[in-house]
Amino acid sequence: MTYTWTKSAEFLKLLDVPRRAGVTFSPALVRADRETVAMLERIGWQVIAAGPLSRDLDRYREFIRGSTAEFSAAKDQNVRLCTGWFSDRSATYLAAGRPVVVQDTGFDVALPMGEGLLAFGTAEEAVAAIGEITADYPRHSRAAKELAEAYFGAEMILARLLEAAGA
């Protein structure tokens, strides 16, 4: 069995999600050639170059804060092997009070799901999750912030690191 180290195989399964959900997505892509960008824009995506965002902390912060939510596919091996992988970018969105809709990698064993953080396995589930967030954005936004504070807050993370280090 072969596993890939990219998101592209999973991302391709989600190309029609913005149209079906009735929303516009603005992904920041690193290696998008003109042809790919043109195709994505034709079907309703608004592609943003990731390079300038990743080189400037303030621009990155404003990109996150200016987003309604995060929507992302995961890498093939994380999905099929159910690794529990969770993105630091997703944690950043949650900390900004932005809901997160991401492909399921099994992280539900460590993080609560359903409010502020929703996982999907199929394009249909992604559309439904987006609909849930759209139907009650203030609740999902509050839940996202609360989840970040409870699971990714500096006090909690540093305490665990110090304890593991024997300090």
Protein backbone atom coordinates (compact mmCIF):
# COMPACT_ATOMS: atom_id res chain seq x y z
CA MET A 1 0.00 0.00 0.00
CA THR A 2 1.32 3.45 -0.91
CA TYR A 3 0.66 6.60 1.12
CA THR A 4 1.31 10.10 -0.15
CA TRP A 5 2.88 12.97 1.75
CA THR A 6 0.66 15.68 0.25
CA LYS A 7 -2.80 17.13 0.68
CA SER A 8 -3.49 17.23 -3.04
CA ALA A 9 -5.17 13.80 -3.30
CA GLU A 10 -7.58 14.70 -0.49
CA PHE A 11 -8.00 18.32 -1.61
CA LEU A 12 -9.13 17.23 -5.08
CA LYS A 13 -12.09 15.41 -3.48
CA LEU A 14 -13.26 18.76 -2.04
CA LEU A 15 -13.15 21.05 -5.06
CA ASP A 16 -16.91 21.51 -5.23
CA VAL A 17 -17.44 22.12 -1.49
CA PRO A 18 -17.50 25.96 -1.72
CA ARG A 19 -20.16 25.87 -4.43
CA ARG A 20 -22.24 23.27 -2.61
CA ALA A 21 -21.95 25.11 0.72
CA GLY A 22 -22.70 28.49 -0.85
CA VAL A 23 -19.55 30.11 0.52
CA THR A 24 -16.28 31.42 -0.87
CA PHE A 25 -12.97 29.99 0.32
CA SER A 26 -9.67 31.88 0.13
CA PRO A 27 -6.88 29.35 0.63
CA ALA A 28 -3.29 30.54 0.94
CA LEU A 29 -1.31 28.23 -1.32
CA VAL A 30 2.45 27.86 -1.52
CA ARG A 31 3.06 26.07 -4.80
CA ALA A 32 0.15 26.87 -7.07
CA ASP A 33 0.94 27.24 -10.74
CA ARG A 34 -1.10 29.64 -12.90
CA GLU A 35 -3.14 26.85 -14.42
CA THR A 36 -4.15 25.47 -11.02
CA VAL A 37 -4.99 28.94 -9.67
CA ALA A 38 -7.10 29.69 -12.77
CA MET A 39 -8.98 26.40 -12.39
CA LEU A 40 -9.65 26.99 -8.69
CA GLU A 41 -10.85 30.53 -9.32
CA ARG A 42 -13.13 29.33 -12.13
CA ILE A 43 -14.94 27.05 -9.69
CA GLY A 44 -15.26 29.62 -6.91
CA TRP A 45 -12.07 29.65 -4.87
CA GLN A 46 -10.14 32.90 -4.24
CA VAL A 47 -6.50 31.85 -4.09
CA ILE A 48 -4.02 33.88 -2.03
CA ALA A 49 -0.24 33.53 -2.29
CA ALA A 50 1.03 32.05 0.98
CA GLY A 51 4.61 33.31 0.65
CA PRO A 52 3.97 36.93 1.65
CA LEU A 53 1.73 35.81 4.53
CA SER A 54 4.27 33.38 5.93
CA ARG A 55 7.09 35.94 5.89
CA ASP A 56 5.21 38.61 7.87
CA LEU A 57 3.74 37.79 11.27
CA ASP A 58 1.36 40.75 11.21
CA ARG A 59 0.02 39.84 7.76
CA TYR A 60 -0.42 36.23 8.84
CA ARG A 61 -2.26 37.30 12.01
CA GLU A 62 -4.54 39.60 9.99
CA PHE A 63 -5.21 36.84 7.46
CA ILE A 64 -6.37 34.54 10.27
CA ARG A 65 -8.41 37.28 11.98
CA GLY A 66 -9.94 38.29 8.65
CA SER A 67 -11.03 34.72 7.96
CA THR A 68 -14.46 33.48 8.92
CA ALA A 69 -13.17 29.96 9.60
CA GLU A 70 -10.54 27.46 8.54
CA PHE A 71 -11.34 24.74 6.02
CA SER A 72 -8.63 22.26 5.18
CA ALA A 73 -7.87 18.83 3.85
CA ALA A 74 -5.22 16.70 5.53
CA LYS A 75 -2.35 14.73 4.05
CA ASP A 76 -3.28 11.33 2.68
CA GLN A 77 -1.23 9.30 5.18
CA ASN A 78 -2.71 11.18 8.15
CA VAL A 79 -6.23 10.48 6.93
CA ARG A 80 -5.81 6.82 5.99
CA LEU A 81 -3.63 5.91 8.98
CA CYS A 82 -5.85 7.93 11.36
CA THR A 83 -2.74 9.42 13.00
CA GLY A 84 -4.54 12.01 15.11
CA TRP A 85 -2.50 14.76 13.44
CA PHE A 86 -3.76 18.29 14.16
CA SER A 87 -2.37 21.44 12.56
CA ASP A 88 -0.77 24.27 14.49
CA ARG A 89 -2.57 26.51 11.99
CA SER A 90 -5.88 25.05 13.14
CA ALA A 91 -4.91 25.82 16.74
CA THR A 92 -4.16 29.40 15.63
CA TYR A 93 -7.60 29.73 14.03
CA LEU A 94 -9.24 28.43 17.21
CA ALA A 95 -7.25 30.89 19.35
CA ALA A 96 -8.50 33.72 17.13
CA GLY A 97 -12.07 32.58 17.76
CA ARG A 98 -12.43 31.24 14.23
CA PRO A 99 -14.16 27.87 13.84
CA VAL A 100 -12.24 25.05 12.20
CA VAL A 101 -13.60 22.52 9.70
CA VAL A 102 -10.87 20.02 8.88
CA GLN A 103 -10.53 16.54 7.52
CA ASP A 104 -10.70 13.83 10.15
CA THR A 105 -7.39 12.28 11.15
CA GLY A 106 -8.57 10.82 14.44
CA PHE A 107 -7.83 13.88 16.61
CA ASP A 108 -11.24 13.50 18.22
CA VAL A 109 -9.63 11.19 20.79
CA ALA A 110 -7.86 14.25 22.26
CA LEU A 111 -10.08 17.21 21.31
CA PRO A 112 -13.82 17.78 21.74
CA MET A 113 -15.79 17.94 18.52
CA GLY A 114 -19.04 19.55 17.41
CA GLU A 115 -18.76 23.18 18.51
CA GLY A 116 -15.99 25.36 17.13
CA LEU A 117 -14.15 22.31 15.78
CA LEU A 118 -15.79 20.00 13.24
CA ALA A 119 -14.18 17.12 11.37
CA PHE A 120 -15.30 15.60 8.11
CA GLY A 121 -14.57 12.45 6.17
CA THR A 122 -16.39 13.22 2.93
CA ALA A 123 -17.28 16.27 0.86
CA GLU A 124 -20.89 15.83 1.97
CA GLU A 125 -19.85 15.93 5.63
CA ALA A 126 -17.74 19.04 4.93
CA VAL A 127 -20.73 20.82 3.39
CA ALA A 128 -22.86 19.85 6.41
CA ALA A 129 -20.20 21.08 8.86
CA ILE A 130 -19.97 24.42 7.05
CA GLY A 131 -23.74 24.66 7.22
CA GLU A 132 -23.64 24.07 10.99
CA ILE A 133 -21.13 26.86 11.48
CA THR A 134 -23.04 29.22 9.21
CA ALA A 135 -26.30 28.52 11.04
CA ASP A 136 -24.89 29.67 14.41
CA TYR A 137 -21.57 31.41 13.85
CA PRO A 138 -21.45 33.26 17.21
CA ARG A 139 -21.78 29.98 19.14
CA HIS A 140 -19.10 28.26 17.07
CA SER A 141 -16.80 31.26 17.32
CA ARG A 142 -17.08 31.33 21.13
CA ALA A 143 -16.59 27.57 21.30
CA ALA A 144 -13.47 27.82 19.12
CA LYS A 145 -11.90 30.36 21.48
CA GLU A 146 -12.84 28.33 24.55
CA LEU A 147 -11.43 25.15 23.03
CA ALA A 148 -8.13 26.91 22.25
CA GLU A 149 -7.86 28.25 25.77
CA ALA A 150 -8.62 24.87 27.33
CA TYR A 151 -6.37 22.74 25.13
CA PHE A 152 -3.69 25.06 23.69
CA GLY A 153 -3.37 27.83 26.30
CA ALA A 154 0.21 28.72 27.23
CA GLU A 155 -0.35 28.01 30.92
CA MET A 156 -1.57 24.48 30.25
CA ILE A 157 1.06 23.69 27.61
CA LEU A 158 3.97 25.12 29.64
CA ALA A 159 2.84 23.33 32.78
CA ARG A 160 2.84 20.01 30.92
CA LEU A 161 6.26 20.73 29.39
CA LEU A 162 7.77 21.68 32.77
CA GLU A 163 6.28 18.59 34.37
CA ALA A 164 7.68 16.35 31.64
CA ALA A 165 11.08 18.02 32.05
CA GLY A 166 11.00 17.33 35.79
CA ALA A 167 10.99 21.01 36.71
